[in-house]
Protein backbone atom coordinates (compact mmCIF):
# COMPACT_ATOMS: atom_id res chain seq x y z
CA MET A 1 0.10 0.12 -0.22
CA GLY A 2 1.05 3.48 -1.26
CA ASP A 3 1.15 6.69 1.32
CA ARG A 4 -2.15 8.15 -1.08
CA GLU A 5 -3.74 4.14 -1.01
CA PHE A 6 -3.58 4.78 2.91
CA GLU A 7 -4.56 7.77 3.52
CA LEU A 8 -7.17 6.53 1.73
CA ALA A 9 -7.94 4.16 3.88
CA VAL A 10 -8.07 5.74 7.23
CA HIS A 11 -10.55 8.32 4.68
CA ARG A 12 -12.82 4.87 4.44
CA LEU A 13 -12.46 3.95 7.87
CA LEU A 14 -13.85 6.57 9.52
CA MET A 15 -16.64 6.98 6.82
CA ARG A 16 -17.17 4.00 8.67
CA ASP A 17 -17.60 5.61 11.94
CA GLY A 18 -20.12 7.67 10.08
CA PHE A 19 -18.12 10.62 9.94
CA THR A 20 -18.69 12.84 6.44
CA SER A 21 -14.83 12.92 5.32
CA ARG A 22 -12.67 14.45 2.57
CA HIS A 23 -8.90 13.47 1.31
CA VAL A 24 -6.81 16.37 1.18
CA GLY A 25 -2.91 14.76 1.26
CA ARG A 26 -0.92 16.21 -1.50
CA ALA A 27 2.13 18.41 -1.65
CA GLY A 28 1.75 20.96 0.38
CA ASP A 29 -0.91 19.42 2.87
CA LYS A 30 -0.20 21.74 5.55
CA GLY A 31 -0.27 18.63 7.69
CA ALA A 32 -3.97 17.14 6.81
CA ASP A 33 -4.17 14.41 4.55
CA VAL A 34 -8.04 13.96 5.72
CA ILE A 35 -10.51 16.56 7.39
CA ALA A 36 -13.83 15.10 8.45
CA VAL A 37 -16.82 15.79 10.68
CA ASP A 38 -18.38 14.04 12.73
CA ARG A 39 -22.64 13.78 13.52
CA TRP A 40 -21.73 16.81 16.52
CA GLY A 41 -20.25 18.62 14.00
CA ARG A 42 -16.83 18.65 15.15
CA THR A 43 -13.36 18.35 12.79
CA LEU A 44 -11.50 16.08 13.05
CA VAL A 45 -7.97 16.91 10.36
CA VAL A 46 -5.55 14.39 9.86
CA GLN A 47 -2.52 13.69 9.50
CA CYS A 48 -1.18 9.91 7.86
CA LYS A 49 2.07 8.68 8.05
CA ARG A 50 2.42 5.03 6.47
CA LEU A 51 6.09 3.75 7.94
CA ARG A 52 7.55 0.72 8.14
CA TRP A 53 6.81 -1.28 11.56
CA ASP A 54 10.05 -0.12 12.93
CA ARG A 55 9.71 4.06 12.35
CA ARG A 56 8.44 6.39 14.51
CA VAL A 57 6.82 9.63 14.36
CA GLY A 58 8.79 12.62 15.19
CA ASP A 59 8.08 15.32 17.48
CA GLN A 60 8.60 18.24 14.02
CA ASP A 61 5.63 16.29 12.68
CA VAL A 62 3.99 16.59 15.87
CA GLN A 63 4.29 20.36 15.71
CA ARG A 64 3.57 20.72 12.00
CA VAL A 65 0.18 19.38 12.95
CA ASN A 66 0.03 21.44 15.83
CA GLY A 67 0.92 24.41 13.94
CA THR A 68 -1.66 23.91 11.43
CA TYR A 69 -4.93 22.04 12.66
CA ARG A 70 -6.96 24.33 14.41
CA HIS A 71 -5.96 28.04 12.51
CA ASP A 72 -5.65 26.40 8.94
CA HIS A 73 -8.01 23.78 9.11
CA GLY A 74 -10.66 24.23 11.78
CA GLY A 75 -10.14 21.30 13.67
CA ASP A 76 -11.31 20.49 16.71
CA PHE A 77 -9.40 17.93 16.60
CA ALA A 78 -6.25 16.11 15.36
CA ALA A 79 -4.52 13.26 15.11
CA ILE A 80 -1.63 11.49 13.92
CA VAL A 81 -2.54 7.82 12.67
CA THR A 82 0.91 5.74 11.54
CA THR A 83 1.67 1.89 10.56
CA GLY A 84 4.45 2.62 12.77
CA GLY A 85 5.21 4.33 16.28
CA PHE A 86 5.99 7.52 17.68
CA THR A 87 9.00 8.58 19.36
CA HIS A 88 9.63 9.71 23.22
CA PRO A 89 9.29 13.71 22.40
CA ALA A 90 5.98 13.11 19.96
CA ARG A 91 4.39 10.81 22.73
CA ALA A 92 5.15 14.05 25.17
CA SER A 93 4.19 16.45 23.11
CA CYS A 94 0.86 15.72 21.54
CA PRO A 95 -1.10 15.16 24.39
CA ARG A 96 -0.12 19.05 25.15
CA TYR A 97 -1.30 19.62 22.52
CA GLY A 98 -4.89 17.64 21.65
CA ILE A 99 -2.95 15.48 18.83
CA HIS A 100 -4.24 12.29 19.60
CA MET A 101 -2.44 9.02 18.30
CA VAL A 102 -2.76 6.06 16.43
CA ASP A 103 0.35 3.85 16.26
CA ARG A 104 0.11 0.33 14.69
CA GLN A 105 -1.53 -1.73 17.77
CA VAL A 106 -4.52 1.13 17.81
CA LEU A 107 -4.57 1.54 14.00
CA ASP A 108 -5.42 -2.52 13.90
CA GLN A 109 -7.93 -2.36 16.20
CA TRP A 110 -9.59 0.59 14.62
CA SER A 111 -9.20 -1.62 11.56
CA ASP A 112 -9.50 -5.23 11.85
CA GLY A 113 -10.70 -4.94 15.14
CA GLY A 114 -13.82 -2.66 13.43
CA VAL A 115 -14.14 -0.48 16.87
CA PRO A 116 -14.47 3.33 16.59
CA LEU A 117 -11.84 5.87 16.67
CA TYR A 118 -13.58 7.69 19.44
CA ARG A 119 -13.84 4.90 21.56
CA LEU A 120 -9.71 3.89 21.19
CA LEU A 121 -9.12 7.28 21.50
CA GLY A 122 -11.14 8.30 24.71
CA ILE A 123 -13.48 10.92 22.89
CA ALA A 124 -16.64 12.04 24.33
CA SER A 125 -19.48 12.55 22.25
CA PRO A 126 -20.75 16.28 23.54
CA VAL A 127 -22.90 16.48 27.13
CA ARG A 128 -26.51 17.43 26.07
CA ARG A 129 -27.72 20.30 28.36
CA PRO A 130 -31.41 19.61 29.48
CA ARG A 131 -34.25 21.59 27.69
CA ARG A 132 -36.42 23.91 29.92
CA ARG A 133 -39.58 23.29 30.63
CA GLY A 134 -42.23 26.56 30.24
CA LEU A 135 -43.48 28.03 33.71
């Protein structure tokens, strides 16, 4: 599977999970390969990194996504999805910036196991406020 095929596979997984999703990956994509909107209208910006199993996403990739996912892409959340893993500095940075990590093991649970992405990442649905009844 090539880079583009991997991005399209992630796009299809998001659609399976009920997102409205579009593939935007290309040269100069500013850290976004897929942009998806969940059923509550929240935007998830996804950077895909197809790597060998023994390679790691580094902190420079995290910094790139952090610098663009809110302002350039209007994201509420961001995720980096990789077929490899994450370096220790990347693992330390992601939570500070609201970037979710999907490594090889999580990707397997999402794709082959059929577990929805938000459940794997611990992203909850928004809390609904009860309606006020008339006086």
